[in-house]
Each structure stands twice: as C-alpha cells, then as structure tokens.
Amino acid sequence: MSIKINDKYYAYSAIDDIKRKGEYGGAVTTIMKYLLEEGIVDGVVGVCQGYDIYDGVPTLITDPDEVIKTAGSIHCATLNIAKFISKYLDGARYMKLAVACKPCDAMTLRELMKKGNVIEDNLILIGINCGGTMPPVPTIRMIKDVYELDPADVIREEISKGKLIVETSEGEVGYSIENLEKQGMGRRENCQRCNLKIPFNADLALGNWGVVGELEGKATFVEVFSDKGAEVLNKVIEANLIKITPSDEEGIKKRDFINNFMLKESLNKKQTDYAGTTGDIIDVFYKYSDEFSRCMKCYGCREACPLCFCKDCCLEAEGPEWVPGGRTPAAPFFHLTRMVHMADACTNCGQCSEVCPSEIPVAKVWSTVNNKIRETYGYIPGMISEDSLPFTDHVSKAKRL
C-alpha cells in the first residue's frame, strides 16, 4: 500500500492490549512502539501520568514494553514537550526520537529547528489534535465546586459538543465550556486563544475528530503531512500492526466543522484579549503596567520558556547595573529585553504565565505583540516555512540547506 501526503484514514491498533488501553483505538501508542522495536528511533518522548490524572510528566522511553505508559490523554498536563527535548535531551543531537506532540509542542519544535537548536532529521513528530489543556489546581477545584464530584473519582475528561464532560465510574457530567470559561474556569487562557488545533506542522496528525459510524470512539482519524509521516504509517500498516480504513466525506466534514468551530472561538477570545491595544510594544506595556509592577524578577518566565535558549543570558551579563547593588533589570526592562528576543518566536504555549508567582498575564502580552508581528511580516512562528525570519538576515533551515 502506498501512503501519500494529505491521505486521511481511520486507524486502530491490531494489538489487543494496546487497543484496549489506548485512547480511540491506540494508534499513536502502536506507532511509537513499532518505531522503537524496529530501531528506527532510539527513544520515544511522551507524557506519562504522575501522581494522578492531574499530573503529567514528560518521559523518555527506550524500552518498547513501556511505551504503553504514555497511552491516553492527560488534559491537565500543561507542559511544553519541546523544552524537555531541547534542554534535557540536547535537542536530539545524539539520538533519534519519536515525539507525541500537541500543536503548540510541534510549533515550538519547528521554531527551534529553524534556529538550529533542535535537529529536525532526528525527530519524527506524531501530532495529536488538541482542543486545549486545563490547569491542574483550578480544575480540581472546579470538579469539586461545580461538578460536585470527588476529583479522585474522575476517570477522564473531554470537550465534546460544546461541553466539558467529566467522567467517573458512575457516568458523565457535562457543562457548557463557554459558560465555564466566562467564569474563569476550563481551559488555560492561551489554549482558548490558540489558532492551531490540528498539528499540520507535524509528520502525522491523529485524533478522534472526524471518526464516524461504527468506528466512532474506537478508532483514530489520521492525516499525513510529510513524506516522513507517510513512510512511517506505511511501514506500520505493512507490519500488520494497525488496521486502516479510508476516511469518508462525512467524517472529513465533521472534522473540519469541529476544527473551524474551535478556531472561531479562539478568534473571538483573541479579539477580546487584544481589545484596546495596537500591538505596539510600548502600548502593550503601558496597558499592562500595573500587572508588570508586581514582577519580582524571579526569572521563572525565562526558565519555563521553551524558546529562551541562550547559553549566556544578557540579563545576567556583567553590567550594566540596572539597579544599585544588583544586575537584575527592573520591571518592565526585564520583560522588554526578553520581548526583543521573543517577539517573533512566541508560540503561545503559556508556560510563562503558568509559573509566574505574581500572576502576571505574560503569555497574553507576548501573544498580543506576536499577533501584530504576524500581521506586519506575515510570519507565523512554528510552521514549516522557507520565509526569512523577522528582524534577522537568517533564513529557515530549509533554505540554509
């Protein structure tokens, strides 16, 4: 069988244990296990459950029998897997990796590839459709107060037909995701703004959106986006480890409807968040001056940012002494300096806001300015592109090669 770019299929595992434990037929887990068993990759990077379902842990797996640990979604895993790869796995310089990645993970990895900090040839990106992740502690509180359930009893949660559904062994309870988010609950703010729900920038994209008929809930919708992805899928099928059926028109329409609906909601959120600002850096900092006055200069946003990778940080260089007796620049100069480095690269992953002890909406500020740069230069960070990077004479890795 010859798999090609833009091919679309319904797929499920031919391995009973994986099909049973994996989400929607276990296709992702099966692909990862095959790549590791055949020595095509040296390791698999995914997210495993930590203490409970509200705790996601980035994990490198080198034993094929342990790949099953990554099966299923952990919607409260708010991490960006690109940071784990670039910082702790040396940017895949010394090993080949298959990576299960959300759209923002894939965007960040692509941006790091362009900057030469992650080796593209050593990565296979297995993209996962994503409607958003939820912050663990507020989610636990929401389940207690709104759903009136014990968070320890929750088996899974998902967004379906406009509702955030929480499932226990006793059944399901769902509330309007729109109403929850108007009250400050539900998905993280950056996820509500996200304009990439299906990872078109990965090698393969998989998810349950668009699976219809008797396979609904039992199979995964798979779309091929690169020659590398086509080759991988073809090999797994030829090894009789995955069963596939060509997607039908009804399924494609359903997938597109869900994607377009969520993108429309994201656009509405962005318009709300950007209201009253021009996107000009000074204008943005003026609007958020009160929030930035709370900055305690802990460097948390810099440390969490998966795209902040300079080995010698200018913010810690010898002089100038920004304030008497110290070398830490006072707010907002700390953030303005980071903005010069990050304005064109931000992928709206939200890690900076996640860790800020002063609860400054850093991600919203970055996203506001980055949106203006997109409008001005037509450059979308994290996508496969041969366009020049803004503010530099460098071009993408594709052109350099």
Protein backbone atom coordinates (compact mmCIF):
# COMPACT_ATOMS: atom_id res chain seq x y z
CA MET A 1 0.00 0.00 0.00
CA SER A 2 1.33 3.45 -0.88
CA ILE A 3 0.61 6.20 1.67
CA LYS A 4 0.87 9.80 0.40
CA ILE A 5 0.87 13.28 1.85
CA ASN A 6 -2.69 14.52 2.63
CA ASP A 7 -4.07 10.97 2.82
CA LYS A 8 -6.71 10.56 5.53
CA TYR A 9 -7.66 7.34 7.32
CA TYR A 10 -9.43 5.84 10.28
CA ALA A 11 -6.94 3.68 12.17
CA TYR A 12 -6.85 1.41 15.19
CA SER A 13 -4.32 -0.95 16.70
CA ALA A 14 -4.20 -4.61 15.75
CA ILE A 15 -2.63 -5.33 19.16
CA ASP A 16 -5.45 -6.15 21.57
CA ASP A 17 -3.75 -4.90 24.76
CA ILE A 18 -2.93 -1.53 23.20
CA LYS A 19 -6.32 -1.24 21.53
CA ARG A 20 -7.97 -1.83 24.89
CA LYS A 21 -5.83 0.57 26.94
CA GLY A 22 -5.01 3.18 24.29
CA GLU A 23 -7.36 6.05 23.58
CA TYR A 24 -9.54 5.73 20.46
CA GLY A 25 -8.00 2.50 19.22
CA GLY A 26 -4.42 3.03 20.39
CA ALA A 27 -2.97 4.03 17.00
CA VAL A 28 -0.46 6.51 18.48
CA THR A 29 0.88 4.01 21.01
CA THR A 30 1.20 1.32 18.34
CA ILE A 31 3.17 3.59 16.02
CA MET A 32 5.53 4.62 18.82
CA LYS A 33 6.09 1.03 19.93
CA TYR A 34 6.85 -0.09 16.36
CA LEU A 35 9.38 2.71 15.77
CA LEU A 36 11.24 1.76 18.93
CA GLU A 37 11.12 -2.00 18.36
CA GLU A 38 12.47 -1.66 14.83
CA GLY A 39 15.30 0.64 15.89
CA ILE A 40 14.02 3.46 13.68
CA VAL A 41 14.26 5.69 16.74
CA ASP A 42 16.36 5.42 19.89
CA GLY A 43 13.64 6.70 22.16
CA VAL A 44 10.02 7.77 22.43
CA VAL A 45 9.06 11.03 24.12
CA GLY A 46 5.60 11.30 25.61
CA VAL A 47 3.68 12.25 28.72
CA CYS A 48 3.04 9.75 31.49
CA GLN A 49 0.71 10.07 34.43
CA GLY A 50 2.49 11.14 37.59
CA TYR A 51 0.81 11.21 40.99
CA ASP A 52 -2.70 11.21 39.47
CA ILE A 53 -4.54 12.19 36.28
CA TYR A 54 -3.91 15.85 37.07
CA ASP A 55 -0.15 15.35 36.92
CA GLY A 56 1.59 14.88 33.56
CA VAL A 57 5.30 14.01 33.48
CA PRO A 58 7.46 14.33 30.33
CA THR A 59 9.16 10.97 29.82
CA LEU A 60 11.84 9.42 27.62
CA ILE A 61 11.15 5.74 26.95
CA THR A 62 13.70 3.38 25.45
CA ASP A 63 12.01 0.05 26.27
CA PRO A 64 9.22 -0.82 23.77
CA ASP A 65 7.26 -2.61 26.51
CA GLU A 66 6.99 0.64 28.45
CA VAL A 67 5.50 2.72 25.62
CA ILE A 68 2.05 1.71 26.84
CA LYS A 69 2.63 4.03 29.83
CA THR A 70 2.08 7.00 27.52
CA ALA A 71 -1.31 5.74 26.29
CA GLY A 72 -4.28 8.05 26.77
CA SER A 73 -4.61 11.81 27.21
CA ILE A 74 -3.77 13.78 30.33
CA HIS A 75 -5.64 17.04 29.82
CA CYS A 76 -4.09 18.68 32.86
CA ALA A 77 -0.57 18.17 31.51
CA THR A 78 0.15 21.81 30.72
CA LEU A 79 3.84 21.33 29.88
CA ASN A 80 5.52 22.01 26.54
CA ILE A 81 7.45 18.90 25.46
CA ALA A 82 9.86 20.97 23.33
CA LYS A 83 11.58 22.27 26.49
CA PHE A 84 12.21 18.70 27.63
CA ILE A 85 13.79 17.82 24.27
CA SER A 86 15.91 20.93 23.80
CA LYS A 87 17.19 21.23 27.37
CA TYR A 88 17.39 17.69 28.70
CA LEU A 89 17.83 15.65 25.51
CA ASP A 90 20.33 18.02 23.86
CA GLY A 91 17.96 18.97 21.07
CA ALA A 92 18.01 15.39 19.70
CA ARG A 93 21.63 15.81 18.66
CA TYR A 94 22.72 12.38 19.84
CA MET A 95 19.62 10.23 19.47
CA LYS A 96 16.65 9.81 17.16
CA LEU A 97 13.28 10.40 18.79
CA ALA A 98 9.61 9.87 18.05
CA VAL A 99 7.67 12.62 19.80
CA ALA A 100 3.98 12.69 20.68
CA CYS A 101 3.22 16.40 20.43
CA LYS A 102 0.34 18.82 20.76
CA PRO A 103 0.14 21.63 18.17
CA CYS A 104 1.99 24.10 20.43
CA ASP A 105 4.69 21.46 21.08
CA ALA A 106 5.12 20.95 17.33
CA MET A 107 5.18 24.71 16.70
CA THR A 108 7.87 25.22 19.32
CA LEU A 109 9.97 22.34 17.99
CA ARG A 110 9.70 23.74 14.45
CA GLU A 111 10.80 27.15 15.67
CA LEU A 112 13.76 25.60 17.50
CA MET A 113 14.65 23.69 14.32
CA LYS A 114 14.79 26.96 12.38
CA LYS A 115 17.13 28.41 14.97
CA GLY A 116 19.36 25.32 14.90
CA ASN A 117 18.63 24.23 18.47
CA VAL A 118 16.80 21.01 17.62
CA ILE A 119 17.88 18.56 14.91
CA GLU A 120 14.98 18.05 12.52
CA ASP A 121 16.37 14.91 10.87
CA ASN A 122 16.44 13.13 14.23
CA LEU A 123 12.77 13.74 15.06
CA ILE A 124 9.53 12.13 13.97
CA LEU A 125 6.62 14.32 15.08
CA ILE A 126 3.47 12.36 15.86
CA GLY A 127 0.97 15.17 16.27
CA ILE A 128 -2.10 14.98 18.49
CA ASN A 129 -5.19 17.11 17.84
CA CYS A 130 -5.77 19.36 20.83
CA GLY A 131 -8.69 21.48 21.97
CA GLY A 132 -6.73 22.76 24.95
CA THR A 133 -5.33 21.79 28.33
CA MET A 134 -6.52 22.73 31.81
CA PRO A 135 -4.55 23.98 34.83
CA PRO A 136 -4.45 21.20 37.46
CA VAL A 137 -5.31 23.01 40.70
CA PRO A 138 -8.17 25.16 39.32
CA THR A 139 -9.52 22.07 37.56
CA ILE A 140 -9.58 20.08 40.79
CA ARG A 141 -11.38 22.99 42.45
CA MET A 142 -13.87 23.20 39.56
CA ILE A 143 -14.65 19.47 39.76
CA LYS A 144 -15.37 19.82 43.48
CA ASP A 145 -17.38 23.04 43.38
CA VAL A 146 -19.19 22.94 40.03
CA TYR A 147 -19.44 19.26 39.15
CA GLU A 148 -19.83 18.27 42.81
CA LEU A 149 -17.61 15.26 42.28
CA ASP A 150 -14.59 13.89 44.08
CA PRO A 151 -11.61 14.66 41.80
CA ALA A 152 -10.09 11.32 42.79
CA ASP A 153 -13.06 9.53 41.20
CA VAL A 154 -12.59 11.11 37.76
CA ILE A 155 -11.53 8.67 35.04
CA ARG A 156 -11.27 11.12 32.13
CA GLU A 157 -12.50 14.43 30.82
CA GLU A 158 -13.01 15.79 27.32
CA ILE A 159 -14.58 18.64 25.39
CA SER A 160 -17.42 17.43 23.19
CA LYS A 161 -20.31 19.26 21.53
CA GLY A 162 -19.58 22.47 23.40
CA LYS A 163 -19.41 20.83 26.81
CA LEU A 164 -16.62 19.97 29.19
CA ILE A 165 -17.50 16.41 30.14
CA VAL A 166 -16.15 14.77 33.27
CA GLU A 167 -16.50 11.00 33.55
CA THR A 168 -16.46 8.76 36.63
CA SER A 169 -17.35 5.11 37.06
CA GLU A 170 -20.90 6.30 37.79
CA GLY A 171 -21.33 8.12 34.47
CA GLU A 172 -20.73 11.52 32.86
CA VAL A 173 -21.47 15.09 33.84
CA GLY A 174 -21.10 17.97 31.36
CA TYR A 175 -21.34 21.75 31.50
CA SER A 176 -21.06 24.38 28.79
CA ILE A 177 -17.37 25.07 28.22
CA GLU A 178 -18.25 28.62 27.16
CA ASN A 179 -20.04 29.36 30.43
CA LEU A 180 -17.27 27.79 32.49
CA GLU A 181 -14.61 29.87 30.76
CA LYS A 182 -16.59 33.07 31.21
CA GLN A 183 -16.29 32.36 34.93
CA GLY A 184 -12.52 31.82 34.68
CA MET A 185 -12.63 28.01 34.66
CA GLY A 186 -11.98 25.39 31.97
CA ARG A 187 -9.04 25.63 29.60
CA ARG A 188 -5.97 27.78 30.09
CA GLU A 189 -6.25 31.24 28.55
CA ASN A 190 -3.54 30.63 25.99
CA CYS A 191 -5.35 27.46 24.86
CA GLN A 192 -8.52 29.48 24.41
CA ARG A 193 -6.57 31.81 22.08
CA CYS A 194 -4.74 29.05 20.18
CA ASN A 195 -5.09 29.18 16.39
CA LEU A 196 -3.77 25.67 15.68
CA LYS A 197 -5.91 22.76 16.82
CA ILE A 198 -4.75 20.16 14.29
CA PRO A 199 -0.93 19.94 14.07
CA PHE A 200 -0.49 20.43 10.31
CA ASN A 201 3.19 21.08 11.04
CA ALA A 202 3.80 17.53 12.37
CA ASP A 203 4.60 14.47 10.27
CA LEU A 204 1.30 12.81 11.18
CA ALA A 205 -1.76 14.21 12.96
CA LEU A 206 -4.06 11.94 14.92
CA GLY A 207 -7.22 12.46 16.96
CA ASN A 208 -10.84 11.45 17.39
CA TRP A 209 -12.32 14.38 15.47
CA GLY A 210 -13.99 13.09 12.33
CA VAL A 211 -14.38 9.42 13.17
CA VAL A 212 -17.98 8.48 12.39
CA GLY A 213 -20.17 5.40 12.06
CA GLU A 214 -19.37 2.11 13.74
CA LEU A 215 -15.74 3.17 14.34
CA GLU A 216 -16.68 6.25 16.38
CA GLY A 217 -14.97 6.06 19.74
CA LYS A 218 -12.97 3.01 18.59
CA ALA A 219 -10.57 4.48 16.02
CA THR A 220 -8.36 7.50 15.36
CA PHE A 221 -8.53 9.92 12.44
CA VAL A 222 -5.05 10.00 10.86
CA GLU A 223 -3.79 12.56 8.37
CA VAL A 224 -0.38 12.53 6.67
CA PHE A 225 1.55 15.80 6.40
CA SER A 226 5.06 14.82 5.29
CA ASP A 227 6.99 12.19 3.37
CA LYS A 228 8.47 11.09 6.69
CA GLY A 229 4.98 10.60 8.10
CA ALA A 230 3.85 8.69 5.02
CA GLU A 231 6.82 6.35 5.30
CA VAL A 232 6.20 5.66 8.98
CA LEU A 233 2.50 4.95 8.52
CA ASN A 234 3.17 2.72 5.53
CA LYS A 235 5.67 0.62 7.49
CA VAL A 236 3.32 0.15 10.45
CA ILE A 237 0.49 -0.92 8.16
CA GLU A 238 2.74 -3.34 6.25
CA ALA A 239 3.78 -4.86 9.59
CA ASN A 240 0.07 -5.59 10.23
CA LEU A 241 0.14 -3.62 13.49
CA ILE A 242 -2.51 -1.10 12.50
CA LYS A 243 -5.76 -1.58 10.66
CA ILE A 244 -6.91 1.31 8.48
CA THR A 245 -9.99 2.38 6.56
CA PRO A 246 -10.07 5.37 4.20
CA SER A 247 -11.95 8.27 5.78
CA ASP A 248 -15.28 9.17 4.21
CA GLU A 249 -16.75 12.53 3.24
CA GLU A 250 -18.99 12.68 6.30
CA GLY A 251 -16.02 12.17 8.62
CA ILE A 252 -13.90 14.81 6.88
CA LYS A 253 -16.77 17.31 7.07
CA LYS A 254 -17.23 16.58 10.78
CA ARG A 255 -13.52 17.00 11.45
CA ASP A 256 -13.44 20.30 9.56
CA PHE A 257 -16.57 21.51 11.35
CA ILE A 258 -15.09 20.84 14.79
CA ASN A 259 -11.77 22.42 13.85
CA ASN A 260 -13.38 25.51 12.33
CA PHE A 261 -15.75 25.95 15.27
CA MET A 262 -12.87 25.87 17.74
CA LEU A 263 -10.80 28.25 15.61
CA LYS A 264 -13.73 30.68 15.52
CA GLU A 265 -13.95 30.55 19.31
CA SER A 266 -10.22 31.18 19.51
CA LEU A 267 -10.55 34.21 17.26
CA ASN A 268 -13.28 35.61 19.50
CA LYS A 269 -11.04 35.15 22.53
CA LYS A 270 -8.11 36.85 20.79
CA GLN A 271 -10.27 39.82 19.82
CA THR A 272 -11.32 40.17 23.44
CA ASP A 273 -7.78 39.86 24.76
CA TYR A 274 -6.33 42.28 22.20
CA ALA A 275 -9.08 44.88 22.59
CA GLY A 276 -7.74 48.33 23.36
CA THR A 277 -4.18 47.71 22.18
CA THR A 278 -2.48 48.35 18.86
CA GLY A 279 0.10 45.59 19.28
CA ASP A 280 2.83 48.19 19.64
CA ILE A 281 5.26 47.05 22.34
CA ILE A 282 5.17 50.31 24.29
CA ASP A 283 1.39 50.48 24.04
CA VAL A 284 1.08 46.92 25.36
CA PHE A 285 3.42 47.55 28.27
CA TYR A 286 1.55 50.75 29.13
CA LYS A 287 -1.75 48.84 29.25
CA TYR A 288 -0.27 46.15 31.49
CA SER A 289 1.95 48.43 33.58
CA ASP A 290 0.07 47.65 36.80
CA GLU A 291 0.49 43.92 36.27
CA PHE A 292 4.20 44.26 35.46
CA SER A 293 4.73 46.33 38.57
CA ARG A 294 4.16 43.11 40.51
CA CYS A 295 7.16 41.45 38.84
CA MET A 296 9.60 40.10 41.42
CA LYS A 297 12.22 39.22 38.76
CA CYS A 298 12.38 35.56 39.71
CA TYR A 299 13.33 34.57 36.12
CA GLY A 300 10.56 31.97 36.18
CA CYS A 301 9.16 33.01 32.78
CA ARG A 302 12.61 32.85 31.22
CA GLU A 303 13.34 29.44 32.73
CA ALA A 304 9.98 27.99 31.65
CA CYS A 305 10.02 29.38 28.12
CA PRO A 306 10.92 26.59 25.67
CA LEU A 307 12.19 29.15 23.15
CA CYS A 308 14.52 31.02 25.51
CA PHE A 309 17.71 29.07 24.89
CA CYS A 310 20.73 31.44 25.00
CA LYS A 311 23.59 29.85 26.94
CA ASP A 312 24.84 33.25 28.09
CA CYS A 313 21.80 35.30 29.04
CA CYS A 314 22.26 39.02 28.50
CA LEU A 315 20.13 39.61 31.58
CA GLU A 316 22.85 38.05 33.71
CA ALA A 317 25.85 39.50 31.88
CA GLU A 318 28.44 41.63 33.65
CA GLY A 319 26.77 45.04 33.85
CA PRO A 320 25.21 47.34 33.32
CA GLU A 321 23.98 47.55 36.89
CA TRP A 322 20.31 48.11 36.29
CA VAL A 323 19.61 48.91 39.92
CA PRO A 324 22.07 49.91 42.66
CA GLY A 325 23.84 46.86 44.03
CA GLY A 326 22.38 44.40 41.57
CA ARG A 327 22.39 43.29 37.97
CA THR A 328 18.76 42.33 37.56
CA PRO A 329 16.95 44.81 35.29
CA ALA A 330 13.97 46.47 36.89
CA ALA A 331 10.48 45.83 35.51
CA PRO A 332 9.50 46.44 32.80
CA PHE A 333 13.04 46.44 31.34
CA PHE A 334 13.48 42.76 32.16
CA HIS A 335 10.40 41.92 30.07
CA LEU A 336 11.22 44.43 27.34
CA THR A 337 14.63 42.80 26.93
CA ARG A 338 13.03 39.37 26.65
CA MET A 339 10.49 40.80 24.22
CA VAL A 340 13.27 41.81 21.83
CA HIS A 341 14.39 38.15 21.77
CA MET A 342 10.95 36.53 21.78
CA ALA A 343 8.57 38.80 19.87
CA ASP A 344 8.83 36.89 16.58
CA ALA A 345 9.13 33.41 18.07
CA CYS A 346 6.38 33.07 20.70
CA THR A 347 4.11 30.09 20.02
CA ASN A 348 1.54 30.96 22.71
CA CYS A 349 2.26 27.84 24.76
CA GLY A 350 1.56 29.69 28.02
CA GLN A 351 4.45 28.30 30.05
CA CYS A 352 5.47 31.78 31.23
CA SER A 353 2.07 32.51 32.75
CA GLU A 354 1.92 29.03 34.26
CA VAL A 355 4.92 29.63 36.51
CA CYS A 356 4.55 33.34 37.32
CA PRO A 357 4.17 33.63 41.13
CA SER A 358 2.82 37.17 40.71
CA GLU A 359 0.12 36.00 38.28
CA ILE A 360 1.18 38.45 35.57
CA PRO A 361 -0.54 37.57 32.25
CA VAL A 362 2.83 37.28 30.50
CA ALA A 363 1.54 34.97 27.77
CA LYS A 364 -1.25 37.40 26.89
CA VAL A 365 1.28 40.23 26.49
CA TRP A 366 3.61 38.12 24.35
CA SER A 367 0.69 36.91 22.25
CA THR A 368 -0.61 40.45 21.72
CA VAL A 369 2.70 41.69 20.34
CA ASN A 370 3.35 38.49 18.39
CA ASN A 371 -0.02 38.85 16.68
CA LYS A 372 0.99 42.30 15.46
CA ILE A 373 4.24 40.88 14.05
CA ARG A 374 2.27 38.21 12.21
CA GLU A 375 0.12 40.91 10.62
CA THR A 376 3.12 43.07 9.71
CA TYR A 377 5.53 40.42 8.42
CA GLY A 378 3.19 37.56 7.50
CA TYR A 379 5.40 35.27 9.55
CA ILE A 380 3.77 32.55 11.67
CA PRO A 381 6.20 31.05 14.18
CA GLY A 382 6.39 27.31 14.44
CA MET A 383 5.09 26.48 11.00
CA ILE A 384 7.03 24.81 8.19
CA SER A 385 8.20 27.77 6.15
CA GLU A 386 11.09 28.86 3.97
CA ASP A 387 10.46 32.54 4.63
CA SER A 388 13.11 34.73 6.24
CA LEU A 389 12.89 35.08 9.99
CA PRO A 390 11.79 38.61 11.01
CA PHE A 391 14.45 41.02 12.32
CA THR A 392 17.33 38.86 11.09
CA ASP A 393 19.31 38.11 7.96
CA HIS A 394 18.94 34.41 8.65
CA VAL A 395 16.62 32.18 6.69
CA SER A 396 14.97 28.95 7.68
CA LYS A 397 16.90 25.72 7.93
CA ALA A 398 15.22 24.54 4.72
CA LYS A 399 16.80 27.41 2.76
CA ARG A 400 20.17 27.18 4.50
CA LEU A 401 20.48 23.56 3.47
